[in-house]
Amino acid sequence: MDKQEIGKILSHSLNDRFYIEEKRNNLYQLFVPIFHDDGDMLDIYIDLNTDDGSLTICDYGKTLMRLSYTFDINTPRQEKILNSIIRDNGGFIDDGNISIKSSPNLLFENVMQLSQIISQVEAMKYTKRHSSRNLFYEDIDNYIGTNLQNFNPQKNILPIPSRDDLTVDYKLVVKDKPIFLFGILGNDKALSSVISILSFQQKKIPFTSIAVHSNYNALSQSTQKKIMNAADKQFFDFDSFCDTAINYLEHTAV
């Protein structure tokens, strides 16, 4: 199969609204009026397998490269979502290259199929805020469940049973003394944590409080002051928590 044969196959479905450019031997770039949301044309390539005559339709890593300008896939959860999008739509990914195995009689259908995968992968950036929230708390949960088991973690504790609005995200135990840990993402959670800490102190409940921030610098200055005054220990982002939490708990807590 060559450029002319590919063109003949596609012309029936695309009404000649396409262009094929040979990039190297047996590799062609397909220019077709399917666009990214910024108006650029999708990057679609057709790779010929001369051994068995099969085709591979792929993007040669261009989709993830474009996505990286505004959204980083850098956690196991995000990678799982990415792989699920590609797999559920009949595609494959190898070293960033998203592809679909095809054949001449399914060429047009598989081009459309790849374009749908690309669109769904790019749409991950629109769920960034929601995903970041879920991923932050999921990352804390995974870290505590994996690395802090020696401190007998308990989740969603109510130190004052009659006040279900005063929740501790995690209770840890160090030297038989309780540590109340709060995951802080945004001003609202920071302020609710301050209220909880002060309420527990007023009830003379013995504990040491830890605040783990997603991004301390994103809080308003007034909220920063309130949480600074209330919490016994703060980790200003998740990475610093992972780096030093065990050392803090073993040597300096309570």
C-alpha atoms as a PDB file:
ATOM      1  CA  MET A   1       0.000   0.000   0.000  1.00  0.00           C
ATOM      2  CA  ASP A   2       1.225   3.482  -0.821  1.00  0.00           C
ATOM      3  CA  LYS A   3       0.105   7.105  -0.605  1.00  0.00           C
ATOM      4  CA  GLN A   4      -2.217   6.814  -3.600  1.00  0.00           C
ATOM      5  CA  GLU A   5      -3.972   3.734  -2.236  1.00  0.00           C
ATOM      6  CA  ILE A   6      -4.497   5.377   1.167  1.00  0.00           C
ATOM      7  CA  GLY A   7      -5.905   8.434  -0.540  1.00  0.00           C
ATOM      8  CA  LYS A   8      -8.277   6.332  -2.623  1.00  0.00           C
ATOM      9  CA  ILE A   9      -9.630   4.622   0.503  1.00  0.00           C
ATOM     10  CA  LEU A  10     -10.186   7.885   2.375  1.00  0.00           C
ATOM     11  CA  SER A  11     -11.623   9.830  -0.534  1.00  0.00           C
ATOM     12  CA  HIS A  12     -14.888   7.877  -0.374  1.00  0.00           C
ATOM     13  CA  SER A  13     -15.538   8.991   3.218  1.00  0.00           C
ATOM     14  CA  LEU A  14     -13.839  12.382   3.372  1.00  0.00           C
ATOM     15  CA  ASN A  15     -14.872  13.689  -0.054  1.00  0.00           C
ATOM     16  CA  ASP A  16     -11.296  14.702  -0.817  1.00  0.00           C
ATOM     17  CA  ARG A  17     -11.224  17.042   2.209  1.00  0.00           C
ATOM     18  CA  PHE A  18      -7.827  15.755   3.301  1.00  0.00           C
ATOM     19  CA  TYR A  19      -4.173  15.773   2.363  1.00  0.00           C
ATOM     20  CA  ILE A  20      -1.511  13.107   2.828  1.00  0.00           C
ATOM     21  CA  GLU A  21       2.177  13.895   3.242  1.00  0.00           C
ATOM     22  CA  GLU A  22       4.851  11.236   3.240  1.00  0.00           C
ATOM     23  CA  LYS A  23       7.172  11.789   6.210  1.00  0.00           C
ATOM     24  CA  ARG A  24       9.457   8.851   5.557  1.00  0.00           C
ATOM     25  CA  ASN A  25       9.250   5.412   4.028  1.00  0.00           C
ATOM     26  CA  ASN A  26       5.904   3.810   5.033  1.00  0.00           C
ATOM     27  CA  LEU A  27       4.965   6.700   7.336  1.00  0.00           C
ATOM     28  CA  TYR A  28       2.392   9.302   6.270  1.00  0.00           C
ATOM     29  CA  GLN A  29       0.861  12.293   8.019  1.00  0.00           C
ATOM     30  CA  LEU A  30      -2.848  12.760   7.425  1.00  0.00           C
ATOM     31  CA  PHE A  31      -4.168  16.315   7.330  1.00  0.00           C
ATOM     32  CA  VAL A  32      -7.917  16.156   7.851  1.00  0.00           C
ATOM     33  CA  PRO A  33     -10.355  18.879   9.003  1.00  0.00           C
ATOM     34  CA  ILE A  34     -10.594  17.694  12.604  1.00  0.00           C
ATOM     35  CA  PHE A  35      -9.319  20.252  15.080  1.00  0.00           C
ATOM     36  CA  HIS A  36      -8.080  20.784  18.601  1.00  0.00           C
ATOM     37  CA  ASP A  37     -10.085  23.288  20.644  1.00  0.00           C
ATOM     38  CA  ASP A  38      -7.487  25.982  19.879  1.00  0.00           C
ATOM     39  CA  GLY A  39      -8.079  25.578  16.146  1.00  0.00           C
ATOM     40  CA  ASP A  40      -4.972  23.571  15.273  1.00  0.00           C
ATOM     41  CA  MET A  41      -5.457  20.452  13.208  1.00  0.00           C
ATOM     42  CA  LEU A  42      -5.092  17.096  14.916  1.00  0.00           C
ATOM     43  CA  ASP A  43      -1.784  15.281  14.492  1.00  0.00           C
ATOM     44  CA  ILE A  44      -2.632  11.962  12.850  1.00  0.00           C
ATOM     45  CA  TYR A  45      -0.130   9.591  11.258  1.00  0.00           C
ATOM     46  CA  ILE A  46      -0.530   6.364   9.324  1.00  0.00           C
ATOM     47  CA  ASP A  47       2.249   3.832   9.779  1.00  0.00           C
ATOM     48  CA  LEU A  48       2.357   0.939   7.307  1.00  0.00           C
ATOM     49  CA  ASN A  49       3.526  -2.500   8.345  1.00  0.00           C
ATOM     50  CA  THR A  50       5.055  -4.021   5.238  1.00  0.00           C
ATOM     51  CA  ASP A  51       5.273  -7.461   6.839  1.00  0.00           C
ATOM     52  CA  ASP A  52       1.547  -8.125   7.058  1.00  0.00           C
ATOM     53  CA  GLY A  53      -0.012  -5.123   5.317  1.00  0.00           C
ATOM     54  CA  SER A  54      -1.619  -3.799   8.524  1.00  0.00           C
ATOM     55  CA  LEU A  55      -1.856  -0.142   9.465  1.00  0.00           C
ATOM     56  CA  THR A  56      -1.235   1.727  12.687  1.00  0.00           C
ATOM     57  CA  ILE A  57      -2.940   5.093  13.139  1.00  0.00           C
ATOM     58  CA  CYS A  58      -1.179   7.167  15.784  1.00  0.00           C
ATOM     59  CA  ASP A  59      -0.325  10.632  17.034  1.00  0.00           C
ATOM     60  CA  TYR A  60       3.415  10.089  17.678  1.00  0.00           C
ATOM     61  CA  GLY A  61       3.111  11.556  21.170  1.00  0.00           C
ATOM     62  CA  LYS A  62       1.808  14.937  20.008  1.00  0.00           C
ATOM     63  CA  THR A  63      -1.381  14.797  22.119  1.00  0.00           C
ATOM     64  CA  LEU A  64       0.397  14.350  25.442  1.00  0.00           C
ATOM     65  CA  MET A  65       2.965  16.940  24.452  1.00  0.00           C
ATOM     66  CA  ARG A  66       0.207  19.498  23.856  1.00  0.00           C
ATOM     67  CA  LEU A  67      -1.567  18.505  27.063  1.00  0.00           C
ATOM     68  CA  SER A  68       1.624  19.008  29.078  1.00  0.00           C
ATOM     69  CA  TYR A  69       1.517  22.739  28.334  1.00  0.00           C
ATOM     70  CA  THR A  70      -1.471  23.114  30.667  1.00  0.00           C
ATOM     71  CA  PHE A  71      -1.827  19.832  32.553  1.00  0.00           C
ATOM     72  CA  ASP A  72       0.749  17.405  33.929  1.00  0.00           C
ATOM     73  CA  ILE A  73       0.014  13.708  34.184  1.00  0.00           C
ATOM     74  CA  ASN A  74       2.269  12.968  37.120  1.00  0.00           C
ATOM     75  CA  THR A  75       0.377  10.798  39.585  1.00  0.00           C
ATOM     76  CA  PRO A  76      -0.689   7.142  39.477  1.00  0.00           C
ATOM     77  CA  ARG A  77      -4.341   8.246  39.543  1.00  0.00           C
ATOM     78  CA  GLN A  78      -3.926  10.500  36.506  1.00  0.00           C
ATOM     79  CA  GLU A  79      -2.050   7.782  34.624  1.00  0.00           C
ATOM     80  CA  LYS A  80      -4.845   5.354  35.437  1.00  0.00           C
ATOM     81  CA  ILE A  81      -7.439   7.769  34.024  1.00  0.00           C
ATOM     82  CA  LEU A  82      -5.352   8.316  30.886  1.00  0.00           C
ATOM     83  CA  ASN A  83      -4.854   4.612  30.291  1.00  0.00           C
ATOM     84  CA  SER A  84      -8.536   3.955  30.904  1.00  0.00           C
ATOM     85  CA  ILE A  85      -9.608   6.556  28.315  1.00  0.00           C
ATOM     86  CA  ILE A  86      -7.314   5.057  25.698  1.00  0.00           C
ATOM     87  CA  ARG A  87      -8.074   1.410  26.475  1.00  0.00           C
ATOM     88  CA  ASP A  88     -11.851   1.878  26.708  1.00  0.00           C
ATOM     89  CA  ASN A  89     -11.834   3.457  23.243  1.00  0.00           C
ATOM     90  CA  GLY A  90      -9.859   0.629  21.654  1.00  0.00           C
ATOM     91  CA  GLY A  91      -6.466   2.307  21.617  1.00  0.00           C
ATOM     92  CA  PHE A  92      -2.976   1.644  22.913  1.00  0.00           C
ATOM     93  CA  ILE A  93      -0.237   3.821  24.357  1.00  0.00           C
ATOM     94  CA  ASP A  94       3.479   3.167  24.168  1.00  0.00           C
ATOM     95  CA  ASP A  95       6.003   5.707  25.409  1.00  0.00           C
ATOM     96  CA  GLY A  96       3.457   8.499  24.968  1.00  0.00           C
ATOM     97  CA  ASN A  97       2.398   7.462  21.480  1.00  0.00           C
ATOM     98  CA  ILE A  98      -1.376   6.876  21.266  1.00  0.00           C
ATOM     99  CA  SER A  99      -2.296   4.437  18.504  1.00  0.00           C
ATOM    100  CA  ILE A 100      -4.944   2.166  17.024  1.00  0.00           C
ATOM    101  CA  LYS A 101      -4.324  -0.935  14.979  1.00  0.00           C
ATOM    102  CA  SER A 102      -6.216  -0.773  11.704  1.00  0.00           C
ATOM    103  CA  SER A 103      -6.696  -2.291   8.293  1.00  0.00           C
ATOM    104  CA  PRO A 104      -7.509  -0.748   4.883  1.00  0.00           C
ATOM    105  CA  ASN A 105     -11.239  -1.430   5.127  1.00  0.00           C
ATOM    106  CA  LEU A 106     -11.450   0.214   8.582  1.00  0.00           C
ATOM    107  CA  LEU A 107      -9.104   3.120   7.929  1.00  0.00           C
ATOM    108  CA  PHE A 108     -11.664   5.931   8.016  1.00  0.00           C
ATOM    109  CA  GLU A 109     -13.488   4.520  11.062  1.00  0.00           C
ATOM    110  CA  ASN A 110     -10.232   4.167  12.973  1.00  0.00           C
ATOM    111  CA  VAL A 111      -9.108   7.686  12.066  1.00  0.00           C
ATOM    112  CA  MET A 112     -12.346   8.934  13.615  1.00  0.00           C
ATOM    113  CA  GLN A 113     -11.810   6.631  16.575  1.00  0.00           C
ATOM    114  CA  LEU A 114      -8.339   8.048  17.229  1.00  0.00           C
ATOM    115  CA  SER A 115      -9.677  11.604  16.967  1.00  0.00           C
ATOM    116  CA  GLN A 116     -12.184  10.793  19.706  1.00  0.00           C
ATOM    117  CA  ILE A 117      -9.453   9.409  21.938  1.00  0.00           C
ATOM    118  CA  ILE A 118      -7.369  12.541  21.407  1.00  0.00           C
ATOM    119  CA  SER A 119     -10.329  14.764  22.291  1.00  0.00           C
ATOM    120  CA  GLN A 120     -11.067  12.838  25.471  1.00  0.00           C
ATOM    121  CA  VAL A 121      -7.418  12.855  26.556  1.00  0.00           C
ATOM    122  CA  GLU A 122      -7.201  16.605  26.001  1.00  0.00           C
ATOM    123  CA  ALA A 123     -10.399  17.075  28.024  1.00  0.00           C
ATOM    124  CA  MET A 124      -8.499  15.941  31.119  1.00  0.00           C
ATOM    125  CA  LYS A 125      -7.264  19.515  31.495  1.00  0.00           C
ATOM    126  CA  TYR A 126     -10.820  20.776  31.996  1.00  0.00           C
ATOM    127  CA  THR A 127     -11.230  18.590  35.065  1.00  0.00           C
ATOM    128  CA  LYS A 128      -7.976  19.831  36.543  1.00  0.00           C
ATOM    129  CA  ARG A 129      -9.539  21.647  39.480  1.00  0.00           C
ATOM    130  CA  HIS A 130     -11.894  18.816  40.373  1.00  0.00           C
ATOM    131  CA  SER A 131      -9.193  16.208  39.833  1.00  0.00           C
ATOM    132  CA  SER A 132      -6.666  18.146  41.886  1.00  0.00           C
ATOM    133  CA  ARG A 133      -9.071  18.180  44.817  1.00  0.00           C
ATOM    134  CA  ASN A 134      -9.776  14.472  44.592  1.00  0.00           C
ATOM    135  CA  LEU A 135      -6.137  13.591  43.968  1.00  0.00           C
ATOM    136  CA  PHE A 136      -4.836  15.633  46.906  1.00  0.00           C
ATOM    137  CA  TYR A 137      -7.014  13.813  49.418  1.00  0.00           C
ATOM    138  CA  GLU A 138      -6.460  10.505  47.673  1.00  0.00           C
ATOM    139  CA  ASP A 139      -2.696  11.034  47.792  1.00  0.00           C
ATOM    140  CA  ILE A 140      -2.853  11.744  51.535  1.00  0.00           C
ATOM    141  CA  ASP A 141      -4.995   8.660  52.057  1.00  0.00           C
ATOM    142  CA  ASN A 142      -2.624   6.477  50.043  1.00  0.00           C
ATOM    143  CA  TYR A 143       0.447   7.818  51.805  1.00  0.00           C
ATOM    144  CA  ILE A 144      -0.969   7.341  55.292  1.00  0.00           C
ATOM    145  CA  GLY A 145      -2.304   3.891  54.446  1.00  0.00           C
ATOM    146  CA  THR A 146       1.048   2.828  52.998  1.00  0.00           C
ATOM    147  CA  ASN A 147       3.641   4.594  55.146  1.00  0.00           C
ATOM    148  CA  LEU A 148       2.071   5.519  58.496  1.00  0.00           C
ATOM    149  CA  GLN A 149       0.498   2.228  59.545  1.00  0.00           C
ATOM    150  CA  ASN A 150       2.789   2.103  62.596  1.00  0.00           C
ATOM    151  CA  PHE A 151       0.897   5.096  63.966  1.00  0.00           C
ATOM    152  CA  ASN A 152      -2.489   3.318  63.976  1.00  0.00           C
ATOM    153  CA  PRO A 153      -4.294   5.719  61.620  1.00  0.00           C
ATOM    154  CA  GLN A 154      -8.060   6.154  61.899  1.00  0.00           C
ATOM    155  CA  LYS A 155     -10.067   8.149  59.387  1.00  0.00           C
ATOM    156  CA  ASN A 156     -12.909  10.673  59.862  1.00  0.00           C
ATOM    157  CA  ILE A 157     -12.871  10.852  63.651  1.00  0.00           C
ATOM    158  CA  LEU A 158     -15.421  12.759  65.751  1.00  0.00           C
ATOM    159  CA  PRO A 159     -13.671  13.702  69.010  1.00  0.00           C
ATOM    160  CA  ILE A 160     -16.913  15.343  70.167  1.00  0.00           C
ATOM    161  CA  PRO A 161     -19.586  12.755  69.238  1.00  0.00           C
ATOM    162  CA  SER A 162     -22.421  15.269  69.406  1.00  0.00           C
ATOM    163  CA  ARG A 163     -20.673  17.565  66.901  1.00  0.00           C
ATOM    164  CA  ASP A 164     -20.525  15.818  63.536  1.00  0.00           C
ATOM    165  CA  ASP A 165     -19.432  19.102  61.966  1.00  0.00           C
ATOM    166  CA  LEU A 166     -16.083  18.917  63.790  1.00  0.00           C
ATOM    167  CA  THR A 167     -14.326  16.128  61.916  1.00  0.00           C
ATOM    168  CA  VAL A 168     -10.689  15.088  62.103  1.00  0.00           C
ATOM    169  CA  ASP A 169      -9.457  13.705  58.788  1.00  0.00           C
ATOM    170  CA  TYR A 170      -7.025  11.288  60.469  1.00  0.00           C
ATOM    171  CA  LYS A 171      -6.146  10.365  63.999  1.00  0.00           C
ATOM    172  CA  LEU A 172      -2.652   8.992  64.517  1.00  0.00           C
ATOM    173  CA  VAL A 173      -1.158   7.721  67.767  1.00  0.00           C
ATOM    174  CA  VAL A 174       2.390   8.601  68.828  1.00  0.00           C
ATOM    175  CA  LYS A 175       3.665   7.416  72.221  1.00  0.00           C
ATOM    176  CA  ASP A 176       0.073   6.722  73.273  1.00  0.00           C
ATOM    177  CA  LYS A 177      -0.904  10.318  72.493  1.00  0.00           C
ATOM    178  CA  PRO A 178      -3.302  11.376  69.731  1.00  0.00           C
ATOM    179  CA  ILE A 179      -2.322  13.352  66.657  1.00  0.00           C
ATOM    180  CA  PHE A 180      -5.159  15.007  64.733  1.00  0.00           C
ATOM    181  CA  LEU A 181      -4.257  15.483  61.072  1.00  0.00           C
ATOM    182  CA  PHE A 182      -6.172  17.793  58.733  1.00  0.00           C
ATOM    183  CA  GLY A 183      -5.786  17.857  54.944  1.00  0.00           C
ATOM    184  CA  ILE A 184      -6.044  21.491  53.837  1.00  0.00           C
ATOM    185  CA  LEU A 185      -7.117  22.386  50.313  1.00  0.00           C
ATOM    186  CA  GLY A 186      -8.317  25.970  50.107  1.00  0.00           C
ATOM    187  CA  ASN A 187      -9.537  28.614  52.524  1.00  0.00           C
ATOM    188  CA  ASP A 188     -12.813  26.904  53.440  1.00  0.00           C
ATOM    189  CA  LYS A 189     -11.125  23.709  54.622  1.00  0.00           C
ATOM    190  CA  ALA A 190      -8.446  25.680  56.452  1.00  0.00           C
ATOM    191  CA  LEU A 191     -11.045  27.733  58.346  1.00  0.00           C
ATOM    192  CA  SER A 192     -13.175  24.698  59.203  1.00  0.00           C
ATOM    193  CA  SER A 193     -10.038  22.988  60.516  1.00  0.00           C
ATOM    194  CA  VAL A 194      -9.240  26.022  62.662  1.00  0.00           C
ATOM    195  CA  ILE A 195     -12.749  25.900  64.140  1.00  0.00           C
ATOM    196  CA  SER A 196     -12.337  22.200  64.875  1.00  0.00           C
ATOM    197  CA  ILE A 197      -8.939  22.645  66.525  1.00  0.00           C
ATOM    198  CA  LEU A 198     -10.136  25.511  68.717  1.00  0.00           C
ATOM    199  CA  SER A 199     -13.295  23.609  69.676  1.00  0.00           C
ATOM    200  CA  PHE A 200     -11.277  20.571  70.751  1.00  0.00           C
ATOM    201  CA  GLN A 201      -8.940  22.773  72.747  1.00  0.00           C
ATOM    202  CA  GLN A 202     -11.903  24.415  74.459  1.00  0.00           C
ATOM    203  CA  LYS A 203     -13.167  20.982  75.471  1.00  0.00           C
ATOM    204  CA  LYS A 204      -9.659  20.231  76.813  1.00  0.00           C
ATOM    205  CA  ILE A 205      -9.265  17.219  74.548  1.00  0.00           C
ATOM    206  CA  PRO A 206      -5.576  16.197  74.551  1.00  0.00           C
ATOM    207  CA  PHE A 207      -4.098  16.165  71.043  1.00  0.00           C
ATOM    208  CA  THR A 208      -1.446  17.594  68.759  1.00  0.00           C
ATOM    209  CA  SER A 209      -2.699  19.079  65.506  1.00  0.00           C
ATOM    210  CA  ILE A 210      -1.081  18.731  62.086  1.00  0.00           C
ATOM    211  CA  ALA A 211      -2.153  20.590  58.958  1.00  0.00           C
ATOM    212  CA  VAL A 212      -1.088  19.163  55.593  1.00  0.00           C
ATOM    213  CA  HIS A 213      -1.586  21.758  52.866  1.00  0.00           C
ATOM    214  CA  SER A 214      -2.052  21.281  49.171  1.00  0.00           C
ATOM    215  CA  ASN A 215      -0.599  24.751  48.674  1.00  0.00           C
ATOM    216  CA  TYR A 216      -0.210  26.993  51.726  1.00  0.00           C
ATOM    217  CA  ASN A 217       0.636  29.996  49.560  1.00  0.00           C
ATOM    218  CA  ALA A 218      -2.764  29.773  47.853  1.00  0.00           C
ATOM    219  CA  LEU A 219      -4.529  30.657  51.107  1.00  0.00           C
ATOM    220  CA  SER A 220      -5.500  34.234  51.861  1.00  0.00           C
ATOM    221  CA  GLN A 221      -3.240  36.066  54.295  1.00  0.00           C
ATOM    222  CA  SER A 222      -5.918  36.180  56.978  1.00  0.00           C
ATOM    223  CA  THR A 223      -6.490  32.433  56.659  1.00  0.00           C
ATOM    224  CA  GLN A 224      -2.753  31.780  56.823  1.00  0.00           C
ATOM    225  CA  LYS A 225      -2.594  33.663  60.121  1.00  0.00           C
ATOM    226  CA  LYS A 226      -5.535  31.754  61.582  1.00  0.00           C
ATOM    227  CA  ILE A 227      -4.189  28.314  60.699  1.00  0.00           C
ATOM    228  CA  MET A 228      -0.697  29.299  61.793  1.00  0.00           C
ATOM    229  CA  ASN A 229      -1.996  30.264  65.229  1.00  0.00           C
ATOM    230  CA  ALA A 230      -4.180  27.180  65.599  1.00  0.00           C
ATOM    231  CA  ALA A 231      -2.145  24.245  64.250  1.00  0.00           C
ATOM    232  CA  ASP A 232       0.818  22.815  66.157  1.00  0.00           C
ATOM    233  CA  LYS A 233       2.582  21.688  62.982  1.00  0.00           C
ATOM    234  CA  GLN A 234       2.118  22.555  59.324  1.00  0.00           C
ATOM    235  CA  PHE A 235       3.397  20.935  56.158  1.00  0.00           C
ATOM    236  CA  PHE A 236       3.142  23.553  53.455  1.00  0.00           C
ATOM    237  CA  ASP A 237       2.592  21.061  50.615  1.00  0.00           C
ATOM    238  CA  PHE A 238       2.107  17.356  50.115  1.00  0.00           C
ATOM    239  CA  ASP A 239       5.715  16.711  49.067  1.00  0.00           C
ATOM    240  CA  SER A 240       7.125  18.171  52.280  1.00  0.00           C
ATOM    241  CA  PHE A 241       4.696  16.003  54.229  1.00  0.00           C
ATOM    242  CA  CYS A 242       5.935  12.883  52.448  1.00  0.00           C
ATOM    243  CA  ASP A 243       9.569  13.885  52.956  1.00  0.00           C
ATOM    244  CA  THR A 244       9.480  14.576  56.684  1.00  0.00           C
ATOM    245  CA  ALA A 245       6.277  13.222  58.239  1.00  0.00           C
ATOM    246  CA  ILE A 246       7.759  10.006  59.577  1.00  0.00           C
ATOM    247  CA  ASN A 247      10.779  11.778  61.061  1.00  0.00           C
ATOM    248  CA  TYR A 248       8.518  14.377  62.683  1.00  0.00           C
ATOM    249  CA  LEU A 249       6.186  11.790  64.147  1.00  0.00           C
ATOM    250  CA  GLU A 250       8.993   9.597  65.463  1.00  0.00           C
ATOM    251  CA  HIS A 251      11.183  12.316  66.947  1.00  0.00           C
ATOM    252  CA  THR A 252       9.381  15.589  67.522  1.00  0.00           C
ATOM    253  CA  ALA A 253       5.620  15.028  67.793  1.00  0.00           C
ATOM    254  CA  VAL A 254       3.992  15.437  71.218  1.00  0.00           C
END
